[in-house]
Amino acid sequence: MEKLQKTPHDKPWYAPLVHFLAHTLVGSGIFLIIAAPSVFLGWLVHKLREYHVAEFTLSVLTFLEHTILLVDALTFLCFIGITSWSAIREMRNEQDH
């Protein structure tokens, strides 16, 4: 009886899901790391307001806080979209083989 050898292209059915999960977890971690300065700026603005720092300075810091968080969130959403599309393509390629 002849043994069937697995080729390197044979992957388990759940491989695309594992790739998606891994990318999502790593991407979420990066999102949190980048969002941390935004949270810190929000806390800093709150504290500086108690010390009667100029409103212009607080406005600039608030703007930076919102900008960092918004850009981070949009980048994260794009990353999740690309990762999802990649997982779908990987699943389709597995079905074709």
PDB file of N, CA and C in Angstrom:
ATOM      1  N   MET A   1       0.841  -1.173   0.000  1.00  0.00           N
ATOM      2  CA  MET A   1       0.000   0.000   0.000  1.00  0.00           C
ATOM      3  C   MET A   1       0.888   1.239   0.000  1.00  0.00           C
ATOM      4  N   GLU A   2       0.549   2.146  -0.827  1.00  0.00           N
ATOM      5  CA  GLU A   2       1.331   3.365  -0.993  1.00  0.00           C
ATOM      6  C   GLU A   2       0.890   4.423   0.009  1.00  0.00           C
ATOM      7  N   LYS A   3       1.872   5.050   0.649  1.00  0.00           N
ATOM      8  CA  LYS A   3       1.557   6.115   1.604  1.00  0.00           C
ATOM      9  C   LYS A   3       1.299   7.416   0.861  1.00  0.00           C
ATOM     10  N   LEU A   4       0.292   8.121   1.295  1.00  0.00           N
ATOM     11  CA  LEU A   4       0.041   9.448   0.742  1.00  0.00           C
ATOM     12  C   LEU A   4       0.861  10.461   1.523  1.00  0.00           C
ATOM     13  N   GLN A   5       1.680  11.200   0.822  1.00  0.00           N
ATOM     14  CA  GLN A   5       2.495  12.211   1.480  1.00  0.00           C
ATOM     15  C   GLN A   5       1.799  13.558   1.379  1.00  0.00           C
ATOM     16  N   LYS A   6       1.859  14.271   2.486  1.00  0.00           N
ATOM     17  CA  LYS A   6       1.296  15.615   2.484  1.00  0.00           C
ATOM     18  C   LYS A   6       2.284  16.562   1.833  1.00  0.00           C
ATOM     19  N   THR A   7       1.790  17.405   0.985  1.00  0.00           N
ATOM     20  CA  THR A   7       2.648  18.439   0.411  1.00  0.00           C
ATOM     21  C   THR A   7       2.653  19.630   1.349  1.00  0.00           C
ATOM     22  N   PRO A   8       3.644  20.508   1.235  1.00  0.00           N
ATOM     23  CA  PRO A   8       3.684  21.671   2.123  1.00  0.00           C
ATOM     24  C   PRO A   8       2.479  22.594   1.934  1.00  0.00           C
ATOM     25  N   HIS A   9       1.762  22.430   0.826  1.00  0.00           N
ATOM     26  CA  HIS A   9       0.605  23.291   0.565  1.00  0.00           C
ATOM     27  C   HIS A   9      -0.663  22.802   1.246  1.00  0.00           C
ATOM     28  N   ASP A  10      -0.640  21.562   1.743  1.00  0.00           N
ATOM     29  CA  ASP A  10      -1.805  21.046   2.462  1.00  0.00           C
ATOM     30  C   ASP A  10      -1.815  21.626   3.863  1.00  0.00           C
ATOM     31  N   LYS A  11      -2.859  22.338   4.166  1.00  0.00           N
ATOM     32  CA  LYS A  11      -3.005  22.956   5.487  1.00  0.00           C
ATOM     33  C   LYS A  11      -4.335  22.497   6.068  1.00  0.00           C
ATOM     34  N   PRO A  12      -4.436  22.484   7.388  1.00  0.00           N
ATOM     35  CA  PRO A  12      -5.736  22.146   7.972  1.00  0.00           C
ATOM     36  C   PRO A  12      -6.779  23.209   7.612  1.00  0.00           C
ATOM     37  N   TRP A  13      -8.033  22.820   7.672  1.00  0.00           N
ATOM     38  CA  TRP A  13      -9.122  23.719   7.283  1.00  0.00           C
ATOM     39  C   TRP A  13      -9.164  24.980   8.127  1.00  0.00           C
ATOM     40  N   TYR A  14      -8.686  24.893   9.358  1.00  0.00           N
ATOM     41  CA  TYR A  14      -8.776  26.034  10.272  1.00  0.00           C
ATOM     42  C   TYR A  14      -7.568  26.969  10.181  1.00  0.00           C
ATOM     43  N   ALA A  15      -6.605  26.695   9.324  1.00  0.00           N
ATOM     44  CA  ALA A  15      -5.406  27.535   9.206  1.00  0.00           C
ATOM     45  C   ALA A  15      -5.738  29.011   8.911  1.00  0.00           C
ATOM     46  N   PRO A  16      -6.660  29.309   7.976  1.00  0.00           N
ATOM     47  CA  PRO A  16      -6.988  30.723   7.745  1.00  0.00           C
ATOM     48  C   PRO A  16      -7.582  31.401   8.984  1.00  0.00           C
ATOM     49  N   LEU A  17      -8.364  30.652   9.744  1.00  0.00           N
ATOM     50  CA  LEU A  17      -8.951  31.227  10.957  1.00  0.00           C
ATOM     51  C   LEU A  17      -7.884  31.513  12.013  1.00  0.00           C
ATOM     52  N   VAL A  18      -6.907  30.617  12.117  1.00  0.00           N
ATOM     53  CA  VAL A  18      -5.812  30.818  13.071  1.00  0.00           C
ATOM     54  C   VAL A  18      -4.974  32.022  12.660  1.00  0.00           C
ATOM     55  N   HIS A  19      -4.702  32.151  11.357  1.00  0.00           N
ATOM     56  CA  HIS A  19      -3.960  33.323  10.871  1.00  0.00           C
ATOM     57  C   HIS A  19      -4.722  34.608  11.178  1.00  0.00           C
ATOM     58  N   PHE A  20      -6.028  34.588  10.922  1.00  0.00           N
ATOM     59  CA  PHE A  20      -6.851  35.769  11.190  1.00  0.00           C
ATOM     60  C   PHE A  20      -6.832  36.110  12.681  1.00  0.00           C
ATOM     61  N   LEU A  21      -6.986  35.105  13.537  1.00  0.00           N
ATOM     62  CA  LEU A  21      -6.977  35.331  14.981  1.00  0.00           C
ATOM     63  C   LEU A  21      -5.640  35.890  15.445  1.00  0.00           C
ATOM     64  N   ALA A  22      -4.554  35.331  14.942  1.00  0.00           N
ATOM     65  CA  ALA A  22      -3.225  35.811  15.332  1.00  0.00           C
ATOM     66  C   ALA A  22      -3.015  37.254  14.905  1.00  0.00           C
ATOM     67  N   HIS A  23      -3.376  37.565  13.668  1.00  0.00           N
ATOM     68  CA  HIS A  23      -3.228  38.940  13.195  1.00  0.00           C
ATOM     69  C   HIS A  23      -4.121  39.903  13.980  1.00  0.00           C
ATOM     70  N   THR A  24      -5.316  39.465  14.316  1.00  0.00           N
ATOM     71  CA  THR A  24      -6.238  40.312  15.073  1.00  0.00           C
ATOM     72  C   THR A  24      -5.697  40.579  16.476  1.00  0.00           C
ATOM     73  N   LEU A  25      -5.163  39.557  17.129  1.00  0.00           N
ATOM     74  CA  LEU A  25      -4.619  39.749  18.472  1.00  0.00           C
ATOM     75  C   LEU A  25      -3.405  40.679  18.457  1.00  0.00           C
ATOM     76  N   VAL A  26      -2.501  40.462  17.514  1.00  0.00           N
ATOM     77  CA  VAL A  26      -1.319  41.323  17.421  1.00  0.00           C
ATOM     78  C   VAL A  26      -1.734  42.756  17.062  1.00  0.00           C
ATOM     79  N   GLY A  27      -2.644  42.887  16.107  1.00  0.00           N
ATOM     80  CA  GLY A  27      -3.131  44.217  15.723  1.00  0.00           C
ATOM     81  C   GLY A  27      -3.818  44.935  16.863  1.00  0.00           C
ATOM     82  N   SER A  28      -4.577  44.192  17.666  1.00  0.00           N
ATOM     83  CA  SER A  28      -5.238  44.792  18.830  1.00  0.00           C
ATOM     84  C   SER A  28      -4.217  45.277  19.845  1.00  0.00           C
ATOM     85  N   GLY A  29      -3.173  44.500  20.042  1.00  0.00           N
ATOM     86  CA  GLY A  29      -2.113  44.915  20.958  1.00  0.00           C
ATOM     87  C   GLY A  29      -1.430  46.188  20.491  1.00  0.00           C
ATOM     88  N   ILE A  30      -1.135  46.247  19.189  1.00  0.00           N
ATOM     89  CA  ILE A  30      -0.511  47.455  18.637  1.00  0.00           C
ATOM     90  C   ILE A  30      -1.458  48.642  18.772  1.00  0.00           C
ATOM     91  N   PHE A  31      -2.755  48.417  18.511  1.00  0.00           N
ATOM     92  CA  PHE A  31      -3.746  49.482  18.673  1.00  0.00           C
ATOM     93  C   PHE A  31      -3.716  50.026  20.098  1.00  0.00           C
ATOM     94  N   LEU A  32      -3.688  49.140  21.077  1.00  0.00           N
ATOM     95  CA  LEU A  32      -3.683  49.568  22.481  1.00  0.00           C
ATOM     96  C   LEU A  32      -2.406  50.322  22.838  1.00  0.00           C
ATOM     97  N   ILE A  33      -1.281  49.877  22.305  1.00  0.00           N
ATOM     98  CA  ILE A  33      -0.016  50.565  22.574  1.00  0.00           C
ATOM     99  C   ILE A  33      -0.034  51.981  22.007  1.00  0.00           C
ATOM    100  N   ILE A  34      -0.566  52.125  20.797  1.00  0.00           N
ATOM    101  CA  ILE A  34      -0.614  53.452  20.177  1.00  0.00           C
ATOM    102  C   ILE A  34      -1.684  54.320  20.824  1.00  0.00           C
ATOM    103  N   ALA A  35      -2.779  53.724  21.295  1.00  0.00           N
ATOM    104  CA  ALA A  35      -3.854  54.490  21.932  1.00  0.00           C
ATOM    105  C   ALA A  35      -3.478  54.973  23.328  1.00  0.00           C
ATOM    106  N   ALA A  36      -2.513  54.330  23.953  1.00  0.00           N
ATOM    107  CA  ALA A  36      -2.127  54.691  25.324  1.00  0.00           C
ATOM    108  C   ALA A  36      -1.722  56.169  25.467  1.00  0.00           C
ATOM    109  N   PRO A  37      -0.926  56.733  24.551  1.00  0.00           N
ATOM    110  CA  PRO A  37      -0.611  58.165  24.685  1.00  0.00           C
ATOM    111  C   PRO A  37      -1.847  59.061  24.609  1.00  0.00           C
ATOM    112  N   SER A  38      -2.834  58.635  23.833  1.00  0.00           N
ATOM    113  CA  SER A  38      -4.071  59.406  23.750  1.00  0.00           C
ATOM    114  C   SER A  38      -4.778  59.426  25.101  1.00  0.00           C
ATOM    115  N   VAL A  39      -4.830  58.278  25.738  1.00  0.00           N
ATOM    116  CA  VAL A  39      -5.448  58.193  27.067  1.00  0.00           C
ATOM    117  C   VAL A  39      -4.651  59.045  28.058  1.00  0.00           C
ATOM    118  N   PHE A  40      -3.330  58.978  27.962  1.00  0.00           N
ATOM    119  CA  PHE A  40      -2.485  59.784  28.845  1.00  0.00           C
ATOM    120  C   PHE A  40      -2.721  61.278  28.623  1.00  0.00           C
ATOM    121  N   LEU A  41      -2.848  61.689  27.356  1.00  0.00           N
ATOM    122  CA  LEU A  41      -3.116  63.108  27.073  1.00  0.00           C
ATOM    123  C   LEU A  41      -4.455  63.545  27.664  1.00  0.00           C
ATOM    124  N   GLY A  42      -5.462  62.689  27.583  1.00  0.00           N
ATOM    125  CA  GLY A  42      -6.759  63.011  28.168  1.00  0.00           C
ATOM    126  C   GLY A  42      -6.650  63.210  29.670  1.00  0.00           C
ATOM    127  N   TRP A  43      -5.913  62.327  30.314  1.00  0.00           N
ATOM    128  CA  TRP A  43      -5.694  62.456  31.753  1.00  0.00           C
ATOM    129  C   TRP A  43      -4.899  63.726  32.067  1.00  0.00           C
ATOM    130  N   LEU A  44      -3.878  64.003  31.254  1.00  0.00           N
ATOM    131  CA  LEU A  44      -3.036  65.182  31.463  1.00  0.00           C
ATOM    132  C   LEU A  44      -3.841  66.472  31.315  1.00  0.00           C
ATOM    133  N   VAL A  45      -4.694  66.547  30.315  1.00  0.00           N
ATOM    134  CA  VAL A  45      -5.538  67.729  30.120  1.00  0.00           C
ATOM    135  C   VAL A  45      -6.429  67.928  31.341  1.00  0.00           C
ATOM    136  N   HIS A  46      -6.992  66.847  31.838  1.00  0.00           N
ATOM    137  CA  HIS A  46      -7.854  66.936  33.017  1.00  0.00           C
ATOM    138  C   HIS A  46      -7.080  67.495  34.214  1.00  0.00           C
ATOM    139  N   LYS A  47      -5.882  66.992  34.420  1.00  0.00           N
ATOM    140  CA  LYS A  47      -5.059  67.457  35.550  1.00  0.00           C
ATOM    141  C   LYS A  47      -4.591  68.899  35.349  1.00  0.00           C
ATOM    142  N   LEU A  48      -4.172  69.236  34.127  1.00  0.00           N
ATOM    143  CA  LEU A  48      -3.678  70.592  33.868  1.00  0.00           C
ATOM    144  C   LEU A  48      -4.781  71.636  34.014  1.00  0.00           C
ATOM    145  N   ARG A  49      -6.001  71.239  33.715  1.00  0.00           N
ATOM    146  CA  ARG A  49      -7.130  72.160  33.875  1.00  0.00           C
ATOM    147  C   ARG A  49      -7.274  72.579  35.342  1.00  0.00           C
ATOM    148  N   GLU A  50      -6.985  71.658  36.258  1.00  0.00           N
ATOM    149  CA  GLU A  50      -7.043  71.970  37.691  1.00  0.00           C
ATOM    150  C   GLU A  50      -6.003  73.022  38.079  1.00  0.00           C
ATOM    151  N   TYR A  51      -4.903  73.084  37.312  1.00  0.00           N
ATOM    152  CA  TYR A  51      -3.835  74.049  37.603  1.00  0.00           C
ATOM    153  C   TYR A  51      -3.981  75.333  36.780  1.00  0.00           C
ATOM    154  N   HIS A  52      -5.118  75.487  36.129  1.00  0.00           N
ATOM    155  CA  HIS A  52      -5.452  76.703  35.374  1.00  0.00           C
ATOM    156  C   HIS A  52      -4.434  77.002  34.275  1.00  0.00           C
ATOM    157  N   VAL A  53      -4.027  75.963  33.562  1.00  0.00           N
ATOM    158  CA  VAL A  53      -3.149  76.133  32.407  1.00  0.00           C
ATOM    159  C   VAL A  53      -3.961  76.815  31.308  1.00  0.00           C
ATOM    160  N   ALA A  54      -3.274  77.570  30.453  1.00  0.00           N
ATOM    161  CA  ALA A  54      -3.935  78.329  29.381  1.00  0.00           C
ATOM    162  C   ALA A  54      -4.842  77.414  28.550  1.00  0.00           C
ATOM    163  N   GLU A  55      -6.002  77.943  28.212  1.00  0.00           N
ATOM    164  CA  GLU A  55      -6.993  77.162  27.464  1.00  0.00           C
ATOM    165  C   GLU A  55      -6.478  76.760  26.090  1.00  0.00           C
ATOM    166  N   PHE A  56      -5.659  77.618  25.479  1.00  0.00           N
ATOM    167  CA  PHE A  56      -5.088  77.276  24.163  1.00  0.00           C
ATOM    168  C   PHE A  56      -4.229  76.013  24.266  1.00  0.00           C
ATOM    169  N   THR A  57      -3.409  75.921  25.300  1.00  0.00           N
ATOM    170  CA  THR A  57      -2.556  74.742  25.511  1.00  0.00           C
ATOM    171  C   THR A  57      -3.411  73.501  25.697  1.00  0.00           C
ATOM    172  N   LEU A  58      -4.468  73.637  26.479  1.00  0.00           N
ATOM    173  CA  LEU A  58      -5.367  72.498  26.697  1.00  0.00           C
ATOM    174  C   LEU A  58      -6.069  72.098  25.399  1.00  0.00           C
ATOM    175  N   SER A  59      -6.422  73.099  24.589  1.00  0.00           N
ATOM    176  CA  SER A  59      -7.082  72.815  23.309  1.00  0.00           C
ATOM    177  C   SER A  59      -6.146  72.068  22.363  1.00  0.00           C
ATOM    178  N   VAL A  60      -4.883  72.480  22.331  1.00  0.00           N
ATOM    179  CA  VAL A  60      -3.906  71.805  21.467  1.00  0.00           C
ATOM    180  C   VAL A  60      -3.713  70.365  21.928  1.00  0.00           C
ATOM    181  N   LEU A  61      -3.567  70.159  23.217  1.00  0.00           N
ATOM    182  CA  LEU A  61      -3.392  68.806  23.742  1.00  0.00           C
ATOM    183  C   LEU A  61      -4.625  67.936  23.494  1.00  0.00           C
ATOM    184  N   THR A  62      -5.800  68.532  23.630  1.00  0.00           N
ATOM    185  CA  THR A  62      -7.041  67.796  23.349  1.00  0.00           C
ATOM    186  C   THR A  62      -7.123  67.428  21.879  1.00  0.00           C
ATOM    187  N   PHE A  63      -6.745  68.360  21.002  1.00  0.00           N
ATOM    188  CA  PHE A  63      -6.726  68.084  19.564  1.00  0.00           C
ATOM    189  C   PHE A  63      -5.781  66.923  19.259  1.00  0.00           C
ATOM    190  N   LEU A  64      -4.601  66.940  19.851  1.00  0.00           N
ATOM    191  CA  LEU A  64      -3.639  65.856  19.641  1.00  0.00           C
ATOM    192  C   LEU A  64      -4.179  64.529  20.164  1.00  0.00           C
ATOM    193  N   GLU A  65      -4.815  64.571  21.298  1.00  0.00           N
ATOM    194  CA  GLU A  65      -5.433  63.364  21.867  1.00  0.00           C
ATOM    195  C   GLU A  65      -6.435  62.753  20.898  1.00  0.00           C
ATOM    196  N   HIS A  66      -7.329  63.591  20.386  1.00  0.00           N
ATOM    197  CA  HIS A  66      -8.367  63.108  19.463  1.00  0.00           C
ATOM    198  C   HIS A  66      -7.765  62.630  18.150  1.00  0.00           C
ATOM    199  N   THR A  67      -6.754  63.356  17.662  1.00  0.00           N
ATOM    200  CA  THR A  67      -6.126  62.987  16.392  1.00  0.00           C
ATOM    201  C   THR A  67      -5.418  61.643  16.493  1.00  0.00           C
ATOM    202  N   ILE A  68      -4.654  61.445  17.559  1.00  0.00           N
ATOM    203  CA  ILE A  68      -3.949  60.173  17.746  1.00  0.00           C
ATOM    204  C   ILE A  68      -4.949  59.028  17.800  1.00  0.00           C
ATOM    205  N   LEU A  69      -5.997  59.193  18.569  1.00  0.00           N
ATOM    206  CA  LEU A  69      -6.979  58.119  18.723  1.00  0.00           C
ATOM    207  C   LEU A  69      -7.730  57.849  17.420  1.00  0.00           C
ATOM    208  N   LEU A  70      -8.104  58.893  16.707  1.00  0.00           N
ATOM    209  CA  LEU A  70      -8.842  58.727  15.451  1.00  0.00           C
ATOM    210  C   LEU A  70      -7.983  58.051  14.383  1.00  0.00           C
ATOM    211  N   VAL A  71      -6.755  58.511  14.214  1.00  0.00           N
ATOM    212  CA  VAL A  71      -5.868  57.901  13.219  1.00  0.00           C
ATOM    213  C   VAL A  71      -5.581  56.452  13.591  1.00  0.00           C
ATOM    214  N   ASP A  72      -5.360  56.192  14.857  1.00  0.00           N
ATOM    215  CA  ASP A  72      -5.117  54.827  15.330  1.00  0.00           C
ATOM    216  C   ASP A  72      -6.319  53.932  15.041  1.00  0.00           C
ATOM    217  N   ALA A  73      -7.513  54.412  15.336  1.00  0.00           N
ATOM    218  CA  ALA A  73      -8.722  53.613  15.107  1.00  0.00           C
ATOM    219  C   ALA A  73      -8.941  53.352  13.621  1.00  0.00           C
ATOM    220  N   LEU A  74      -8.764  54.366  12.788  1.00  0.00           N
ATOM    221  CA  LEU A  74      -8.941  54.177  11.343  1.00  0.00           C
ATOM    222  C   LEU A  74      -7.912  53.203  10.775  1.00  0.00           C
ATOM    223  N   THR A  75      -6.686  53.306  11.227  1.00  0.00           N
ATOM    224  CA  THR A  75      -5.645  52.381  10.784  1.00  0.00           C
ATOM    225  C   THR A  75      -5.966  50.960  11.230  1.00  0.00           C
ATOM    226  N   PHE A  76      -6.461  50.808  12.454  1.00  0.00           N
ATOM    227  CA  PHE A  76      -6.829  49.490  12.967  1.00  0.00           C
ATOM    228  C   PHE A  76      -7.976  48.896  12.144  1.00  0.00           C
ATOM    229  N   LEU A  77      -8.973  49.706  11.822  1.00  0.00           N
ATOM    230  CA  LEU A  77     -10.087  49.212  11.006  1.00  0.00           C
ATOM    231  C   LEU A  77      -9.618  48.780   9.621  1.00  0.00           C
ATOM    232  N   CYS A  78      -8.718  49.545   9.022  1.00  0.00           N
ATOM    233  CA  CYS A  78      -8.157  49.154   7.720  1.00  0.00           C
ATOM    234  C   CYS A  78      -7.397  47.841   7.842  1.00  0.00           C
ATOM    235  N   PHE A  79      -6.619  47.704   8.900  1.00  0.00           N
ATOM    236  CA  PHE A  79      -5.858  46.483   9.131  1.00  0.00           C
ATOM    237  C   PHE A  79      -6.792  45.273   9.269  1.00  0.00           C
ATOM    238  N   ILE A  80      -7.860  45.429  10.040  1.00  0.00           N
ATOM    239  CA  ILE A  80      -8.820  44.326  10.211  1.00  0.00           C
ATOM    240  C   ILE A  80      -9.481  43.993   8.872  1.00  0.00           C
ATOM    241  N   GLY A  81      -9.818  45.015   8.090  1.00  0.00           N
ATOM    242  CA  GLY A  81     -10.412  44.778   6.773  1.00  0.00           C
ATOM    243  C   GLY A  81      -9.478  44.013   5.849  1.00  0.00           C
ATOM    244  N   ILE A  82      -8.215  44.413   5.809  1.00  0.00           N
ATOM    245  CA  ILE A  82      -7.235  43.738   4.960  1.00  0.00           C
ATOM    246  C   ILE A  82      -7.006  42.311   5.446  1.00  0.00           C
ATOM    247  N   THR A  83      -6.919  42.135   6.749  1.00  0.00           N
ATOM    248  CA  THR A  83      -6.717  40.803   7.320  1.00  0.00           C
ATOM    249  C   THR A  83      -7.920  39.901   7.028  1.00  0.00           C
ATOM    250  N   SER A  84      -9.118  40.464   7.116  1.00  0.00           N
ATOM    251  CA  SER A  84     -10.330  39.688   6.807  1.00  0.00           C
ATOM    252  C   SER A  84     -10.325  39.257   5.345  1.00  0.00           C
ATOM    253  N   TRP A  85     -10.007  40.183   4.477  1.00  0.00           N
ATOM    254  CA  TRP A  85      -9.978  39.882   3.043  1.00  0.00           C
ATOM    255  C   TRP A  85      -8.935  38.804   2.751  1.00  0.00           C
ATOM    256  N   SER A  86      -7.786  38.901   3.399  1.00  0.00           N
ATOM    257  CA  SER A  86      -6.726  37.908   3.224  1.00  0.00           C
ATOM    258  C   SER A  86      -7.196  36.526   3.699  1.00  0.00           C
ATOM    259  N   ALA A  87      -7.890  36.477   4.822  1.00  0.00           N
ATOM    260  CA  ALA A  87      -8.398  35.199   5.338  1.00  0.00           C
ATOM    261  C   ALA A  87      -9.436  34.607   4.389  1.00  0.00           C
ATOM    262  N   ILE A  88     -10.294  35.445   3.847  1.00  0.00           N
ATOM    263  CA  ILE A  88     -11.313  34.972   2.891  1.00  0.00           C
ATOM    264  C   ILE A  88     -10.641  34.406   1.644  1.00  0.00           C
ATOM    265  N   ARG A  89      -9.643  35.121   1.134  1.00  0.00           N
ATOM    266  CA  ARG A  89      -8.917  34.632  -0.046  1.00  0.00           C
ATOM    267  C   ARG A  89      -8.212  33.317   0.251  1.00  0.00           C
ATOM    268  N   GLU A  90      -7.620  33.216   1.444  1.00  0.00           N
ATOM    269  CA  GLU A  90      -6.942  31.985   1.824  1.00  0.00           C
ATOM    270  C   GLU A  90      -7.930  30.822   1.904  1.00  0.00           C
ATOM    271  N   MET A  91      -9.134  31.061   2.431  1.00  0.00           N
ATOM    272  CA  MET A  91     -10.155  30.010   2.498  1.00  0.00           C
ATOM    273  C   MET A  91     -10.606  29.603   1.106  1.00  0.00           C
ATOM    274  N   ARG A  92     -10.766  30.578   0.225  1.00  0.00           N
ATOM    275  CA  ARG A  92     -11.172  30.272  -1.153  1.00  0.00           C
ATOM    276  C   ARG A  92     -10.114  29.461  -1.867  1.00  0.00           C
ATOM    277  N   ASN A  93      -8.840  29.812  -1.658  1.00  0.00           N
ATOM    278  CA  ASN A  93      -7.746  29.066  -2.304  1.00  0.00           C
ATOM    279  C   ASN A  93      -7.699  27.633  -1.797  1.00  0.00           C
ATOM    280  N   GLU A  94      -8.001  27.413  -0.535  1.00  0.00           N
ATOM    281  CA  GLU A  94      -8.013  26.052   0.007  1.00  0.00           C
ATOM    282  C   GLU A  94      -9.146  25.238  -0.609  1.00  0.00           C
ATOM    283  N   GLN A  95     -10.275  25.887  -0.896  1.00  0.00           N
ATOM    284  CA  GLN A  95     -11.399  25.174  -1.497  1.00  0.00           C
ATOM    285  C   GLN A  95     -11.082  24.767  -2.931  1.00  0.00           C
ATOM    286  N   ASP A  96     -10.293  25.593  -3.616  1.00  0.00           N
ATOM    287  CA  ASP A  96      -9.980  25.309  -5.012  1.00  0.00           C
ATOM    288  C   ASP A  96      -9.013  24.130  -5.168  1.00  0.00           C
ATOM    289  N   HIS A  97      -8.263  23.826  -4.120  1.00  0.00           N
ATOM    290  CA  HIS A  97      -7.267  22.752  -4.221  1.00  0.00           C
ATOM    291  C   HIS A  97      -7.795  21.461  -3.697  1.00  0.00           C
TER     292      HIS A  97
END
